Full PDB file with SEQRES, HELIX, SHEET, SSBOND, CRYST1, ORIGX, SCALE, CONECT and MASTER records, all heavy atoms in Angstrom:
SEQRES   1 A   45  GLU VAL PHE ALA ARG ASN GLY VAL GLU VAL VAL ALA VAL          
SEQRES   2 A   45  GLU ILE SER ASP GLU ALA VAL ARG ARG GLY ARG ALA THR          
SEQRES   3 A   45  LEU THR GLY SER THR ASP ARG ALA VAL THR LYS GLY ARG          
SEQRES   4 A   45  LEU THR PRO ALA ASP ARG                                      
HELIX    1 AA1 VAL A    2  ARG A    5  1                                   4    
HELIX    2 AA2 ASP A   17  THR A   36  1                                  20    
CRYST1    1.000    1.000    1.000  90.00  90.00  90.00 P 1           1          
ORIGX1      1.000000  0.000000  0.000000        0.00000                         
ORIGX2      0.000000  1.000000  0.000000        0.00000                         
ORIGX3      0.000000  0.000000  1.000000        0.00000                         
SCALE1      1.000000  0.000000  0.000000        0.00000                         
SCALE2      0.000000  1.000000  0.000000        0.00000                         
SCALE3      0.000000  0.000000  1.000000        0.00000                         
ATOM      1  N   GLU A   1       0.817  -1.211   0.000  1.00  0.00           N  
ATOM      2  CA  GLU A   1       0.000   0.000   0.000  1.00  0.00           C  
ATOM      3  C   GLU A   1       0.851   1.261   0.000  1.00  0.00           C  
ATOM      4  O   GLU A   1       0.551   2.231  -0.711  1.00  0.00           O  
ATOM      5  CB  GLU A   1      -0.938   0.001   1.209  1.00  0.00           C  
ATOM      6  CG  GLU A   1      -1.864   1.214   1.258  1.00  0.00           C  
ATOM      7  CD  GLU A   1      -2.856   1.168   2.404  1.00  0.00           C  
ATOM      8  OE1 GLU A   1      -3.088   0.072   2.957  1.00  0.00           O  
ATOM      9  OE2 GLU A   1      -3.407   2.245   2.733  1.00  0.00           O  
ATOM     10  N   VAL A   2       1.928   1.261   0.774  1.00  0.00           N  
ATOM     11  CA  VAL A   2       2.813   2.439   0.827  1.00  0.00           C  
ATOM     12  C   VAL A   2       3.340   2.773  -0.557  1.00  0.00           C  
ATOM     13  O   VAL A   2       3.308   3.934  -1.001  1.00  0.00           O  
ATOM     14  CB  VAL A   2       3.982   2.191   1.811  1.00  0.00           C  
ATOM     15  CG1 VAL A   2       5.043   3.279   1.663  1.00  0.00           C  
ATOM     16  CG2 VAL A   2       3.477   2.150   3.243  1.00  0.00           C  
ATOM     17  N   PHE A   3       3.849   1.775  -1.264  1.00  0.00           N  
ATOM     18  CA  PHE A   3       4.423   2.034  -2.595  1.00  0.00           C  
ATOM     19  C   PHE A   3       3.343   2.440  -3.585  1.00  0.00           C  
ATOM     20  O   PHE A   3       3.512   3.398  -4.356  1.00  0.00           O  
ATOM     21  CB  PHE A   3       5.186   0.796  -3.089  1.00  0.00           C  
ATOM     22  CG  PHE A   3       6.552   0.677  -2.496  1.00  0.00           C  
ATOM     23  CD1 PHE A   3       6.791  -0.173  -1.437  1.00  0.00           C  
ATOM     24  CD2 PHE A   3       7.606   1.434  -2.994  1.00  0.00           C  
ATOM     25  CE1 PHE A   3       8.055  -0.287  -0.884  1.00  0.00           C  
ATOM     26  CE2 PHE A   3       8.872   1.338  -2.447  1.00  0.00           C  
ATOM     27  CZ  PHE A   3       9.103   0.479  -1.384  1.00  0.00           C  
ATOM     28  N   ALA A   4       2.230   1.709  -3.612  1.00  0.00           N  
ATOM     29  CA  ALA A   4       1.176   2.013  -4.585  1.00  0.00           C  
ATOM     30  C   ALA A   4       0.570   3.386  -4.339  1.00  0.00           C  
ATOM     31  O   ALA A   4       0.176   4.086  -5.291  1.00  0.00           O  
ATOM     32  CB  ALA A   4       0.100   0.931  -4.545  1.00  0.00           C  
ATOM     33  N   ARG A   5       0.473   3.804  -3.069  1.00  0.00           N  
ATOM     34  CA  ARG A   5      -0.031   5.150  -2.757  1.00  0.00           C  
ATOM     35  C   ARG A   5       0.846   6.233  -3.373  1.00  0.00           C  
ATOM     36  O   ARG A   5       0.371   7.335  -3.654  1.00  0.00           O  
ATOM     37  CB  ARG A   5      -0.063   5.374  -1.242  1.00  0.00           C  
ATOM     38  CG  ARG A   5      -1.323   4.943  -0.534  1.00  0.00           C  
ATOM     39  CD  ARG A   5      -1.234   5.329   0.926  1.00  0.00           C  
ATOM     40  NE  ARG A   5      -2.379   4.866   1.691  1.00  0.00           N  
ATOM     41  CZ  ARG A   5      -3.170   5.654   2.396  1.00  0.00           C  
ATOM     42  NH1 ARG A   5      -2.955   6.954   2.419  1.00  0.00           N  
ATOM     43  NH2 ARG A   5      -4.187   5.154   3.076  1.00  0.00           N  
ATOM     44  N   ASN A   6       2.124   5.915  -3.531  1.00  0.00           N  
ATOM     45  CA  ASN A   6       3.080   6.911  -4.011  1.00  0.00           C  
ATOM     46  C   ASN A   6       3.459   6.726  -5.470  1.00  0.00           C  
ATOM     47  O   ASN A   6       4.526   7.157  -5.911  1.00  0.00           O  
ATOM     48  CB  ASN A   6       4.328   6.872  -3.117  1.00  0.00           C  
ATOM     49  CG  ASN A   6       4.068   7.464  -1.751  1.00  0.00           C  
ATOM     50  OD1 ASN A   6       4.132   8.671  -1.552  1.00  0.00           O  
ATOM     51  ND2 ASN A   6       3.761   6.601  -0.771  1.00  0.00           N  
ATOM     52  N   GLY A   7       2.562   6.088  -6.221  1.00  0.00           N  
ATOM     53  CA  GLY A   7       2.711   6.025  -7.665  1.00  0.00           C  
ATOM     54  C   GLY A   7       3.645   4.961  -8.188  1.00  0.00           C  
ATOM     55  O   GLY A   7       3.990   4.965  -9.374  1.00  0.00           O  
ATOM     56  N   VAL A   8       4.074   4.029  -7.358  1.00  0.00           N  
ATOM     57  CA  VAL A   8       5.008   2.990  -7.783  1.00  0.00           C  
ATOM     58  C   VAL A   8       4.233   1.732  -8.178  1.00  0.00           C  
ATOM     59  O   VAL A   8       3.320   1.302  -7.470  1.00  0.00           O  
ATOM     60  CB  VAL A   8       6.007   2.658  -6.648  1.00  0.00           C  
ATOM     61  CG1 VAL A   8       6.990   1.576  -7.101  1.00  0.00           C  
ATOM     62  CG2 VAL A   8       6.753   3.914  -6.210  1.00  0.00           C  
ATOM     63  N   GLU A   9       4.605   1.137  -9.309  1.00  0.00           N  
ATOM     64  CA  GLU A   9       4.003  -0.119  -9.736  1.00  0.00           C  
ATOM     65  C   GLU A   9       4.525  -1.251  -8.851  1.00  0.00           C  
ATOM     66  O   GLU A   9       5.736  -1.359  -8.616  1.00  0.00           O  
ATOM     67  CB  GLU A   9       4.352  -0.409 -11.198  1.00  0.00           C  
ATOM     68  CG  GLU A   9       3.845   0.643 -12.175  1.00  0.00           C  
ATOM     69  CD  GLU A   9       2.335   0.660 -12.261  1.00  0.00           C  
ATOM     70  OE1 GLU A   9       1.722  -0.435 -12.202  1.00  0.00           O  
ATOM     71  OE2 GLU A   9       1.761   1.757 -12.383  1.00  0.00           O  
ATOM     72  N   VAL A  10       3.617  -2.086  -8.351  1.00  0.00           N  
ATOM     73  CA  VAL A  10       3.989  -3.113  -7.381  1.00  0.00           C  
ATOM     74  C   VAL A  10       3.553  -4.495  -7.882  1.00  0.00           C  
ATOM     75  O   VAL A  10       2.422  -4.669  -8.352  1.00  0.00           O  
ATOM     76  CB  VAL A  10       3.332  -2.854  -6.005  1.00  0.00           C  
ATOM     77  CG1 VAL A  10       3.803  -3.900  -4.984  1.00  0.00           C  
ATOM     78  CG2 VAL A  10       3.647  -1.446  -5.500  1.00  0.00           C  
ATOM     79  N   VAL A  11       4.465  -5.470  -7.756  1.00  0.00           N  
ATOM     80  CA  VAL A  11       4.140  -6.868  -7.977  1.00  0.00           C  
ATOM     81  C   VAL A  11       4.103  -7.517  -6.597  1.00  0.00           C  
ATOM     82  O   VAL A  11       5.129  -7.590  -5.903  1.00  0.00           O  
ATOM     83  CB  VAL A  11       5.168  -7.571  -8.870  1.00  0.00           C  
ATOM     84  CG1 VAL A  11       4.773  -9.041  -9.082  1.00  0.00           C  
ATOM     85  CG2 VAL A  11       5.298  -6.844 -10.200  1.00  0.00           C  
ATOM     86  N   ALA A  12       2.920  -7.976  -6.180  1.00  0.00           N  
ATOM     87  CA  ALA A  12       2.713  -8.519  -4.844  1.00  0.00           C  
ATOM     88  C   ALA A  12       2.650 -10.038  -4.933  1.00  0.00           C  
ATOM     89  O   ALA A  12       1.755 -10.587  -5.583  1.00  0.00           O  
ATOM     90  CB  ALA A  12       1.426  -7.962  -4.244  1.00  0.00           C  
ATOM     91  N   VAL A  13       3.587 -10.715  -4.263  1.00  0.00           N  
ATOM     92  CA  VAL A  13       3.785 -12.144  -4.468  1.00  0.00           C  
ATOM     93  C   VAL A  13       3.532 -12.934  -3.189  1.00  0.00           C  
ATOM     94  O   VAL A  13       3.946 -12.521  -2.097  1.00  0.00           O  
ATOM     95  CB  VAL A  13       5.222 -12.403  -4.967  1.00  0.00           C  
ATOM     96  CG1 VAL A  13       5.551 -13.881  -4.956  1.00  0.00           C  
ATOM     97  CG2 VAL A  13       5.397 -11.831  -6.359  1.00  0.00           C  
ATOM     98  N   GLU A  14       2.873 -14.069  -3.340  1.00  0.00           N  
ATOM     99  CA  GLU A  14       2.677 -15.009  -2.245  1.00  0.00           C  
ATOM    100  C   GLU A  14       2.924 -16.431  -2.755  1.00  0.00           C  
ATOM    101  O   GLU A  14       3.200 -16.642  -3.944  1.00  0.00           O  
ATOM    102  CB  GLU A  14       1.261 -14.880  -1.659  1.00  0.00           C  
ATOM    103  CG  GLU A  14       1.204 -14.050  -0.372  1.00  0.00           C  
ATOM    104  CD  GLU A  14       1.872 -14.734   0.820  1.00  0.00           C  
ATOM    105  OE1 GLU A  14       2.403 -15.868   0.645  1.00  0.00           O  
ATOM    106  OE2 GLU A  14       1.868 -14.162   1.905  1.00  0.00           O  
ATOM    107  N   ILE A  15       2.783 -17.415  -1.838  1.00  0.00           N  
ATOM    108  CA  ILE A  15       3.141 -18.794  -2.172  1.00  0.00           C  
ATOM    109  C   ILE A  15       1.958 -19.605  -2.694  1.00  0.00           C  
ATOM    110  O   ILE A  15       2.156 -20.713  -3.193  1.00  0.00           O  
ATOM    111  CB  ILE A  15       3.748 -19.505  -0.946  1.00  0.00           C  
ATOM    112  CG1 ILE A  15       2.750 -19.527   0.220  1.00  0.00           C  
ATOM    113  CG2 ILE A  15       5.056 -18.866  -0.536  1.00  0.00           C  
ATOM    114  CD1 ILE A  15       3.222 -20.360   1.403  1.00  0.00           C  
ATOM    115  N   SER A  16       0.731 -19.070  -2.562  1.00  0.00           N  
ATOM    116  CA  SER A  16      -0.440 -19.832  -3.003  1.00  0.00           C  
ATOM    117  C   SER A  16      -1.563 -18.880  -3.364  1.00  0.00           C  
ATOM    118  O   SER A  16      -1.561 -17.704  -2.972  1.00  0.00           O  
ATOM    119  CB  SER A  16      -0.921 -20.785  -1.903  1.00  0.00           C  
ATOM    120  OG  SER A  16      -1.437 -20.043  -0.805  1.00  0.00           O  
ATOM    121  N   ASP A  17      -2.551 -19.401  -4.090  1.00  0.00           N  
ATOM    122  CA  ASP A  17      -3.714 -18.589  -4.448  1.00  0.00           C  
ATOM    123  C   ASP A  17      -4.452 -18.117  -3.196  1.00  0.00           C  
ATOM    124  O   ASP A  17      -4.933 -16.982  -3.130  1.00  0.00           O  
ATOM    125  CB  ASP A  17      -4.662 -19.388  -5.343  1.00  0.00           C  
ATOM    126  CG  ASP A  17      -4.096 -19.597  -6.745  1.00  0.00           C  
ATOM    127  OD1 ASP A  17      -3.335 -18.723  -7.199  1.00  0.00           O  
ATOM    128  OD2 ASP A  17      -4.403 -20.626  -7.357  1.00  0.00           O  
ATOM    129  N   GLU A  18      -4.562 -18.990  -2.202  1.00  0.00           N  
ATOM    130  CA  GLU A  18      -5.268 -18.625  -0.974  1.00  0.00           C  
ATOM    131  C   GLU A  18      -4.527 -17.500  -0.239  1.00  0.00           C  
ATOM    132  O   GLU A  18      -5.149 -16.573   0.276  1.00  0.00           O  
ATOM    133  CB  GLU A  18      -5.420 -19.843  -0.068  1.00  0.00           C  
ATOM    134  CG  GLU A  18      -6.034 -19.562   1.296  1.00  0.00           C  
ATOM    135  CD  GLU A  18      -7.417 -18.927   1.224  1.00  0.00           C  
ATOM    136  OE1 GLU A  18      -8.109 -19.092   0.194  1.00  0.00           O  
ATOM    137  OE2 GLU A  18      -7.808 -18.266   2.206  1.00  0.00           O  
ATOM    138  N   ALA A  19      -3.193 -17.583  -0.196  1.00  0.00           N  
ATOM    139  CA  ALA A  19      -2.417 -16.529   0.456  1.00  0.00           C  
ATOM    140  C   ALA A  19      -2.550 -15.209  -0.307  1.00  0.00           C  
ATOM    141  O   ALA A  19      -2.625 -14.131   0.307  1.00  0.00           O  
ATOM    142  CB  ALA A  19      -0.954 -16.942   0.564  1.00  0.00           C  
ATOM    143  N   VAL A  20      -2.607 -15.291  -1.629  1.00  0.00           N  
ATOM    144  CA  VAL A  20      -2.827 -14.071  -2.430  1.00  0.00           C  
ATOM    145  C   VAL A  20      -4.195 -13.487  -2.120  1.00  0.00           C  
ATOM    146  O   VAL A  20      -4.350 -12.267  -1.974  1.00  0.00           O  
ATOM    147  CB  VAL A  20      -2.689 -14.391  -3.931  1.00  0.00           C  
ATOM    148  CG1 VAL A  20      -3.259 -13.247  -4.779  1.00  0.00           C  
ATOM    149  CG2 VAL A  20      -1.231 -14.627  -4.291  1.00  0.00           C  
ATOM    150  N   ARG A  21      -5.203 -14.360  -2.017  1.00  0.00           N  
ATOM    151  CA  ARG A  21      -6.558 -13.874  -1.704  1.00  0.00           C  
ATOM    152  C   ARG A  21      -6.573 -13.127  -0.373  1.00  0.00           C  
ATOM    153  O   ARG A  21      -7.167 -12.059  -0.260  1.00  0.00           O  
ATOM    154  CB  ARG A  21      -7.538 -15.051  -1.665  1.00  0.00           C  
ATOM    155  CG  ARG A  21      -8.994 -14.625  -1.472  1.00  0.00           C  
ATOM    156  CD  ARG A  21      -9.875 -15.799  -1.076  1.00  0.00           C  
ATOM    157  NE  ARG A  21      -9.517 -16.323   0.235  1.00  0.00           N  
ATOM    158  CZ  ARG A  21      -9.823 -15.726   1.383  1.00  0.00           C  
ATOM    159  NH1 ARG A  21     -10.505 -14.585   1.403  1.00  0.00           N  
ATOM    160  NH2 ARG A  21      -9.449 -16.269   2.533  1.00  0.00           N  
ATOM    161  N   ARG A  22      -5.916 -13.701   0.636  1.00  0.00           N  
ATOM    162  CA  ARG A  22      -5.881 -13.038   1.943  1.00  0.00           C  
ATOM    163  C   ARG A  22      -5.133 -11.706   1.864  1.00  0.00           C  
ATOM    164  O   ARG A  22      -5.551 -10.720   2.451  1.00  0.00           O  
ATOM    165  CB  ARG A  22      -5.216 -13.955   2.976  1.00  0.00           C  
ATOM    166  CG  ARG A  22      -6.049 -15.164   3.369  1.00  0.00           C  
ATOM    167  CD  ARG A  22      -5.505 -15.811   4.638  1.00  0.00           C  
ATOM    168  NE  ARG A  22      -4.109 -16.221   4.493  1.00  0.00           N  
ATOM    169  CZ  ARG A  22      -3.725 -17.440   4.104  1.00  0.00           C  
ATOM    170  NH1 ARG A  22      -4.633 -18.365   3.805  1.00  0.00           N  
ATOM    171  NH2 ARG A  22      -2.436 -17.743   4.007  1.00  0.00           N  
ATOM    172  N   GLY A  23      -4.032 -11.683   1.133  1.00  0.00           N  
ATOM    173  CA  GLY A  23      -3.275 -10.441   0.998  1.00  0.00           C  
ATOM    174  C   GLY A  23      -4.061  -9.365   0.271  1.00  0.00           C  
ATOM    175  O   GLY A  23      -4.052  -8.193   0.658  1.00  0.00           O  
ATOM    176  N   ARG A  24      -4.773  -9.762  -0.785  1.00  0.00           N  
ATOM    177  CA  ARG A  24      -5.604  -8.803  -1.511  1.00  0.00           C  
ATOM    178  C   ARG A  24      -6.706  -8.255  -0.603  1.00  0.00           C  
ATOM    179  O   ARG A  24      -7.001  -7.059  -0.608  1.00  0.00           O  
ATOM    180  CB  ARG A  24      -6.227  -9.481  -2.735  1.00  0.00           C  
ATOM    181  CG  ARG A  24      -6.953  -8.503  -3.663  1.00  0.00           C  
ATOM    182  CD  ARG A  24      -7.825  -9.262  -4.658  1.00  0.00           C  
ATOM    183  NE  ARG A  24      -7.057 -10.174  -5.486  1.00  0.00           N  
ATOM    184  CZ  ARG A  24      -6.524  -9.845  -6.669  1.00  0.00           C  
ATOM    185  NH1 ARG A  24      -6.675  -8.615  -7.132  1.00  0.00           N  
ATOM    186  NH2 ARG A  24      -5.855 -10.745  -7.369  1.00  0.00           N  
ATOM    187  N   ALA A  25      -7.306  -9.148   0.204  1.00  0.00           N  
ATOM    188  CA  ALA A  25      -8.367  -8.711   1.116  1.00  0.00           C  
ATOM    189  C   ALA A  25      -7.831  -7.731   2.158  1.00  0.00           C  
ATOM    190  O   ALA A  25      -8.504  -6.751   2.514  1.00  0.00           O  
ATOM    191  CB  ALA A  25      -8.999  -9.922   1.798  1.00  0.00           C  
ATOM    192  N   THR A  26      -6.619  -7.983   2.642  1.00  0.00           N  
ATOM    193  CA  THR A  26      -6.014  -7.064   3.612  1.00  0.00           C  
ATOM    194  C   THR A  26      -5.799  -5.688   2.996  1.00  0.00           C  
ATOM    195  O   THR A  26      -6.100  -4.655   3.607  1.00  0.00           O  
ATOM    196  CB  THR A  26      -4.673  -7.627   4.110  1.00  0.00           C  
ATOM    197  OG1 THR A  26      -4.895  -8.893   4.738  1.00  0.00           O  
ATOM    198  CG2 THR A  26      -4.022  -6.685   5.114  1.00  0.00           C  
ATOM    199  N   LEU A  27      -5.297  -5.666   1.770  1.00  0.00           N  
ATOM    200  CA  LEU A  27      -5.046  -4.390   1.094  1.00  0.00           C  
ATOM    201  C   LEU A  27      -6.349  -3.652   0.807  1.00  0.00           C  
ATOM    202  O   LEU A  27      -6.463  -2.446   1.090  1.00  0.00           O  
ATOM    203  CB  LEU A  27      -4.282  -4.640  -0.211  1.00  0.00           C  
ATOM    204  CG  LEU A  27      -4.015  -3.406  -1.070  1.00  0.00           C  
ATOM    205  CD1 LEU A  27      -3.153  -2.399  -0.323  1.00  0.00           C  
ATOM    206  CD2 LEU A  27      -3.352  -3.803  -2.388  1.00  0.00           C  
ATOM    207  N   THR A  28      -7.341  -4.332   0.253  1.00  0.00           N  
ATOM    208  CA  THR A  28      -8.593  -3.647  -0.066  1.00  0.00           C  
ATOM    209  C   THR A  28      -9.312  -3.193   1.203  1.00  0.00           C  
ATOM    210  O   THR A  28      -9.914  -2.114   1.228  1.00  0.00           O  
ATOM    211  CB  THR A  28      -9.524  -4.558  -0.893  1.00  0.00           C  
ATOM    212  OG1 THR A  28      -9.732  -5.796  -0.199  1.00  0.00           O  
ATOM    213  CG2 THR A  28      -8.904  -4.846  -2.251  1.00  0.00           C  
ATOM    214  N   GLY A  29      -9.219  -4.000   2.255  1.00  0.00           N  
ATOM    215  CA  GLY A  29      -9.835  -3.582   3.516  1.00  0.00           C  
ATOM    216  C   GLY A  29      -9.206  -2.316   4.054  1.00  0.00           C  
ATOM    217  O   GLY A  29      -9.897  -1.401   4.531  1.00  0.00           O  
ATOM    218  N   SER A  30      -7.867  -2.226   3.978  1.00  0.00           N  
ATOM    219  CA  SER A  30      -7.163  -1.040   4.477  1.00  0.00           C  
ATOM    220  C   SER A  30      -7.507   0.190   3.655  1.00  0.00           C  
ATOM    221  O   SER A  30      -7.774   1.268   4.201  1.00  0.00           O  
ATOM    222  CB  SER A  30      -5.657  -1.291   4.446  1.00  0.00           C  
ATOM    223  OG  SER A  30      -4.950  -0.130   4.813  1.00  0.00           O  
ATOM    224  N   THR A  31      -7.522   0.046   2.342  1.00  0.00           N  
ATOM    225  CA  THR A  31      -7.815   1.209   1.503  1.00  0.00           C  
ATOM    226  C   THR A  31      -9.280   1.624   1.608  1.00  0.00           C  
ATOM    227  O   THR A  31      -9.595   2.817   1.557  1.00  0.00           O  
ATOM    228  CB  THR A  31      -7.442   0.918   0.033  1.00  0.00           C  
ATOM    229  OG1 THR A  31      -8.084  -0.290  -0.394  1.00  0.00           O  
ATOM    230  CG2 THR A  31      -5.937   0.767  -0.118  1.00  0.00           C  
ATOM    231  N   ASP A  32     -10.180   0.658   1.777  1.00  0.00           N  
ATOM    232  CA  ASP A  32     -11.595   1.010   1.974  1.00  0.00           C  
ATOM    233  C   ASP A  32     -11.783   1.794   3.277  1.00  0.00           C  
ATOM    234  O   ASP A  32     -12.559   2.754   3.329  1.00  0.00           O  
ATOM    235  CB  ASP A  32     -12.461  -0.251   1.996  1.00  0.00           C  
ATOM    236  CG  ASP A  32     -12.648  -0.867   0.611  1.00  0.00           C  
ATOM    237  OD1 ASP A  32     -12.308  -0.197  -0.377  1.00  0.00           O  
ATOM    238  OD2 ASP A  32     -13.116  -2.024   0.537  1.00  0.00           O  
ATOM    239  N   ARG A  33     -11.069   1.373   4.327  1.00  0.00           N  
ATOM    240  CA  ARG A  33     -11.153   2.119   5.593  1.00  0.00           C  
ATOM    241  C   ARG A  33     -10.607   3.530   5.431  1.00  0.00           C  
ATOM    242  O   ARG A  33     -11.138   4.487   6.010  1.00  0.00           O  
ATOM    243  CB  ARG A  33     -10.394   1.376   6.701  1.00  0.00           C  
ATOM    244  CG  ARG A  33     -11.104   0.130   7.207  1.00  0.00           C  
ATOM    245  CD  ARG A  33     -10.450  -0.401   8.485  1.00  0.00           C  
ATOM    246  NE  ARG A  33      -9.073  -0.814   8.273  1.00  0.00           N  
ATOM    247  CZ  ARG A  33      -8.704  -2.013   7.844  1.00  0.00           C  
ATOM    248  NH1 ARG A  33      -9.635  -2.934   7.575  1.00  0.00           N  
ATOM    249  NH2 ARG A  33      -7.428  -2.332   7.693  1.00  0.00           N  
ATOM    250  N   ALA A  34      -9.556   3.662   4.639  1.00  0.00           N  
ATOM    251  CA  ALA A  34      -8.993   4.993   4.400  1.00  0.00           C  
ATOM    252  C   ALA A  34      -9.994   5.889   3.679  1.00  0.00           C  
ATOM    253  O   ALA A  34     -10.089   7.094   3.960  1.00  0.00           O  
ATOM    254  CB  ALA A  34      -7.698   4.883   3.588  1.00  0.00           C  
ATOM    255  N   VAL A  35     -10.767   5.323   2.763  1.00  0.00           N  
ATOM    256  CA  VAL A  35     -11.813   6.097   2.079  1.00  0.00           C  
ATOM    257  C   VAL A  35     -12.895   6.506   3.071  1.00  0.00           C  
ATOM    258  O   VAL A  35     -13.342   7.661   3.098  1.00  0.00           O  
ATOM    259  CB  VAL A  35     -12.408   5.281   0.912  1.00  0.00           C  
ATOM    260  CG1 VAL A  35     -13.659   5.977   0.367  1.00  0.00           C  
ATOM    261  CG2 VAL A  35     -11.377   5.083  -0.197  1.00  0.00           C  
ATOM    262  N   THR A  36     -13.316   5.568   3.905  1.00  0.00           N  
ATOM    263  CA  THR A  36     -14.362   5.849   4.895  1.00  0.00           C  
ATOM    264  C   THR A  36     -13.946   6.976   5.834  1.00  0.00           C  
ATOM    265  O   THR A  36     -14.763   7.824   6.218  1.00  0.00           O  
ATOM    266  CB  THR A  36     -14.666   4.579   5.714  1.00  0.00           C  
ATOM    267  OG1 THR A  36     -15.116   3.551   4.816  1.00  0.00           O  
ATOM    268  CG2 THR A  36     -15.742   4.848   6.757  1.00  0.00           C  
ATOM    269  N   LYS A  37     -12.658   7.004   6.189  1.00  0.00           N  
ATOM    270  CA  LYS A  37     -12.152   8.029   7.111  1.00  0.00           C  
ATOM    271  C   LYS A  37     -11.746   9.323   6.413  1.00  0.00           C  
ATOM    272  O   LYS A  37     -11.262  10.258   7.061  1.00  0.00           O  
ATOM    273  CB  LYS A  37     -10.956   7.479   7.891  1.00  0.00           C  
ATOM    274  CG  LYS A  37     -11.322   6.323   8.814  1.00  0.00           C  
ATOM    275  CD  LYS A  37     -10.091   5.744   9.498  1.00  0.00           C  
ATOM    276  CE  LYS A  37     -10.469   4.592  10.410  1.00  0.00           C  
ATOM    277  NZ  LYS A  37      -9.276   3.980  11.059  1.00  0.00           N  
ATOM    278  N   GLY A  38     -11.928   9.369   5.102  1.00  0.00           N  
ATOM    279  CA  GLY A  38     -11.611  10.586   4.367  1.00  0.00           C  
ATOM    280  C   GLY A  38     -10.139  10.775   4.060  1.00  0.00           C  
ATOM    281  O   GLY A  38      -9.711  11.853   3.646  1.00  0.00           O  
ATOM    282  N   ARG A  39      -9.333   9.719   4.208  1.00  0.00           N  
ATOM    283  CA  ARG A  39      -7.903   9.825   3.943  1.00  0.00           C  
ATOM    284  C   ARG A  39      -7.552   9.522   2.498  1.00  0.00           C  
ATOM    285  O   ARG A  39      -6.447   9.803   2.049  1.00  0.00           O  
ATOM    286  CB  ARG A  39      -7.136   8.879   4.877  1.00  0.00           C  
ATOM    287  CG  ARG A  39      -7.259   9.245   6.352  1.00  0.00           C  
ATOM    288  CD  ARG A  39      -6.628   8.186   7.237  1.00  0.00           C  
ATOM    289  NE  ARG A  39      -6.808   8.504   8.644  1.00  0.00           N  
ATOM    290  CZ  ARG A  39      -6.622   7.641   9.644  1.00  0.00           C  
ATOM    291  NH1 ARG A  39      -6.256   6.392   9.367  1.00  0.00           N  
ATOM    292  NH2 ARG A  39      -6.811   8.008  10.892  1.00  0.00           N  
ATOM    293  N   LEU A  40      -8.485   8.897   1.791  1.00  0.00           N  
ATOM    294  CA  LEU A  40      -8.337   8.630   0.359  1.00  0.00           C  
ATOM    295  C   LEU A  40      -9.670   8.913  -0.312  1.00  0.00           C  
ATOM    296  O   LEU A  40     -10.727   8.653   0.265  1.00  0.00           O  
ATOM    297  CB  LEU A  40      -7.982   7.154   0.116  1.00  0.00           C  
ATOM    298  CG  LEU A  40      -6.530   6.682   0.123  1.00  0.00           C  
ATOM    299  CD1 LEU A  40      -6.507   5.186  -0.161  1.00  0.00           C  
ATOM    300  CD2 LEU A  40      -5.683   7.422  -0.898  1.00  0.00           C  
ATOM    301  N   THR A  41      -9.615   9.417  -1.528  1.00  0.00           N  
ATOM    302  CA  THR A  41     -10.838   9.524  -2.307  1.00  0.00           C  
ATOM    303  C   THR A  41     -11.085   8.188  -2.984  1.00  0.00           C  
ATOM    304  O   THR A  41     -10.149   7.398  -3.196  1.00  0.00           O  
ATOM    305  CB  THR A  41     -10.724  10.619  -3.373  1.00  0.00           C  
ATOM    306  OG1 THR A  41      -9.740  10.207  -4.343  1.00  0.00           O  
ATOM    307  CG2 THR A  41     -10.325  11.948  -2.756  1.00  0.00           C  
ATOM    308  N   PRO A  42     -12.317   7.886  -3.339  1.00  0.00           N  
ATOM    309  CA  PRO A  42     -12.568   6.632  -4.066  1.00  0.00           C  
ATOM    310  C   PRO A  42     -11.729   6.511  -5.336  1.00  0.00           C  
ATOM    311  O   PRO A  42     -11.247   5.422  -5.660  1.00  0.00           O  
ATOM    312  CB  PRO A  42     -14.069   6.707  -4.378  1.00  0.00           C  
ATOM    313  CG  PRO A  42     -14.631   7.554  -3.265  1.00  0.00           C  
ATOM    314  CD  PRO A  42     -13.577   8.583  -2.995  1.00  0.00           C  
ATOM    315  N   ALA A  43     -11.548   7.631  -6.035  1.00  0.00           N  
ATOM    316  CA  ALA A  43     -10.758   7.580  -7.265  1.00  0.00           C  
ATOM    317  C   ALA A  43      -9.298   7.252  -6.971  1.00  0.00           C  
ATOM    318  O   ALA A  43      -8.662   6.462  -7.691  1.00  0.00           O  
ATOM    319  CB  ALA A  43     -10.856   8.922  -7.997  1.00  0.00           C  
ATOM    320  N   ASP A  44      -8.739   7.846  -5.902  1.00  0.00           N  
ATOM    321  CA  ASP A  44      -7.350   7.557  -5.527  1.00  0.00           C  
ATOM    322  C   ASP A  44      -7.186   6.096  -5.094  1.00  0.00           C  
ATOM    323  O   ASP A  44      -6.180   5.454  -5.390  1.00  0.00           O  
ATOM    324  CB  ASP A  44      -6.894   8.481  -4.404  1.00  0.00           C  
ATOM    325  CG  ASP A  44      -6.651   9.900  -4.889  1.00  0.00           C  
ATOM    326  OD1 ASP A  44      -6.473  10.080  -6.104  1.00  0.00           O  
ATOM    327  OD2 ASP A  44      -6.639  10.825  -4.041  1.00  0.00           O  
ATOM    328  N   ARG A  45      -8.197   5.581  -4.387  1.00  0.00           N  
ATOM    329  CA  ARG A  45      -8.145   4.170  -4.002  1.00  0.00           C  
ATOM    330  C   ARG A  45      -8.108   3.273  -5.226  1.00  0.00           C  
ATOM    331  O   ARG A  45      -7.299   2.329  -5.305  1.00  0.00           O  
ATOM    332  CB  ARG A  45      -9.359   3.817  -3.146  1.00  0.00           C  
ATOM    333  CG  ARG A  45      -9.460   2.324  -2.820  1.00  0.00           C  
ATOM    334  CD  ARG A  45     -10.859   1.943  -2.391  1.00  0.00           C  
ATOM    335  NE  ARG A  45     -11.848   2.322  -3.387  1.00  0.00           N  
ATOM    336  CZ  ARG A  45     -13.150   2.437  -3.161  1.00  0.00           C  
ATOM    337  NH1 ARG A  45     -13.625   2.202  -1.949  1.00  0.00           N  
ATOM    338  NH2 ARG A  45     -13.974   2.779  -4.124  1.00  0.00           N  
TER     339      ARG A  45                                                      
MASTER        0    0    0    2    0    0    0    6  338    1    0    4          
END                                                                             
């Protein structure tokens, strides 16, 4: 999230599809909370 927030292209790697799913959920959950709190606009997210 830190890198992507600052315009850097990121390749996010895990060992399995399930681990990728959990990692994606963690990232989307964090960015959704940031939108709810007004720290990110929906477009920026």
